[in-house]
Amino acid sequence: MPIYQYRDQETGRIVELIRSVTNRDRAPEGFSRITVPQRVGVIRGMMDPETPDAAIPRALKDLEQTVDHRAIARGSGFSTRQLKEIWAV
């Protein structure tokens, strides 16, 4: 995933955020993207958080904080072993 630089419009401070290419122009409120950054960087091996490959394991992890894994397995149709394999991705 690429690293983009954004400038705080009030203070002029520069921050770096890891964003997908499609979301690079969606700057946090009060920030604007620097189109010619001071440096270029890419984090290898990091999945785009908006893809199912990243979102599903994260959703399962969040669900397991509130619901017992056996109840999740019964409701989803997956076995506990399959859920563990998905979560480990």
Protein backbone atom coordinates (compact mmCIF):
# COMPACT_ATOMS: atom_id res chain seq x y z
CA MET A 1 0.00 0.00 0.00
CA PRO A 2 1.33 3.46 -0.83
CA ILE A 3 2.22 6.09 1.73
CA TYR A 4 0.88 9.58 1.00
CA GLN A 5 1.74 12.89 2.59
CA TYR A 6 -0.88 15.36 3.79
CA ARG A 7 -0.47 18.92 5.05
CA ASP A 8 -2.45 20.22 8.01
CA GLN A 9 -4.01 23.41 6.67
CA GLU A 10 -3.92 25.13 10.08
CA THR A 11 -0.43 24.29 11.31
CA GLY A 12 1.40 23.36 8.09
CA ARG A 13 2.51 20.10 9.74
CA ILE A 14 3.02 17.17 7.34
CA VAL A 15 1.72 13.72 8.18
CA GLU A 16 2.06 10.45 6.31
CA LEU A 17 -0.86 8.07 5.92
CA ILE A 18 -1.06 4.62 4.39
CA ARG A 19 -3.93 4.74 1.90
CA SER A 20 -5.16 2.73 -1.02
CA VAL A 21 -4.75 4.44 -4.38
CA THR A 22 -8.52 4.89 -4.69
CA ASN A 23 -8.70 6.68 -1.33
CA ARG A 24 -5.59 8.84 -1.61
CA ASP A 25 -7.54 12.02 -2.32
CA ARG A 26 -9.94 11.50 0.59
CA ALA A 27 -7.89 13.46 3.06
CA PRO A 28 -8.98 13.80 6.68
CA GLU A 29 -10.82 17.04 7.41
CA GLY A 30 -8.42 19.95 7.62
CA PHE A 31 -5.72 18.19 5.58
CA SER A 32 -4.80 18.35 1.91
CA ARG A 33 -2.77 15.80 -0.03
CA ILE A 34 0.67 16.88 -1.17
CA THR A 35 0.86 15.94 -4.84
CA VAL A 36 4.67 16.12 -4.97
CA PRO A 37 5.76 14.38 -1.75
CA GLN A 38 9.10 14.85 -0.05
CA ARG A 39 9.66 11.10 -0.25
CA VAL A 40 7.97 8.06 -1.78
CA GLY A 41 7.24 4.86 0.10
CA VAL A 42 5.33 1.62 -0.22
CA ILE A 43 4.61 -0.90 2.50
CA ARG A 44 4.96 -4.35 1.01
CA GLY A 45 2.84 -7.24 2.16
CA MET A 46 0.14 -5.03 3.62
CA MET A 47 -3.31 -5.74 2.24
CA ASP A 48 -5.75 -3.06 1.19
CA PRO A 49 -8.11 -2.87 4.19
CA GLU A 50 -11.11 -2.48 1.89
CA THR A 51 -10.67 -5.84 0.13
CA PRO A 52 -12.48 -8.95 1.38
CA ASP A 53 -9.12 -10.67 2.01
CA ALA A 54 -8.38 -8.11 4.72
CA ALA A 55 -11.88 -7.17 5.86
CA ILE A 56 -13.27 -10.67 6.55
CA PRO A 57 -10.56 -11.79 9.02
CA ARG A 58 -10.81 -8.39 10.77
CA ALA A 59 -14.62 -8.72 11.00
CA LEU A 60 -14.32 -12.24 12.42
CA LYS A 61 -11.80 -11.06 14.99
CA ASP A 62 -14.13 -8.23 16.05
CA LEU A 63 -17.11 -10.59 16.22
CA GLU A 64 -15.19 -13.04 18.39
CA GLN A 65 -14.75 -10.29 20.97
CA THR A 66 -18.50 -10.36 21.70
CA VAL A 67 -19.78 -13.77 20.51
CA ASP A 68 -18.49 -17.24 21.43
CA HIS A 69 -16.69 -18.98 18.53
CA ARG A 70 -19.07 -21.95 18.76
CA ALA A 71 -22.07 -19.66 18.22
CA ILE A 72 -20.34 -18.05 15.24
CA ALA A 73 -19.65 -21.50 13.77
CA ARG A 74 -23.29 -22.59 14.23
CA GLY A 75 -24.63 -19.37 12.68
CA SER A 76 -22.20 -19.21 9.77
CA GLY A 77 -22.11 -22.84 8.73
CA PHE A 78 -18.32 -22.94 9.03
CA SER A 79 -16.55 -25.20 11.50
CA THR A 80 -14.44 -23.72 14.28
CA ARG A 81 -11.35 -25.06 12.50
CA GLN A 82 -12.34 -23.27 9.27
CA LEU A 83 -12.93 -20.02 11.16
CA LYS A 84 -9.48 -20.29 12.76
CA GLU A 85 -7.93 -20.79 9.32
CA ILE A 86 -9.71 -17.71 7.99
CA TRP A 87 -8.76 -15.63 11.01
CA ALA A 88 -5.09 -16.65 10.75
CA VAL A 89 -4.79 -15.20 7.21
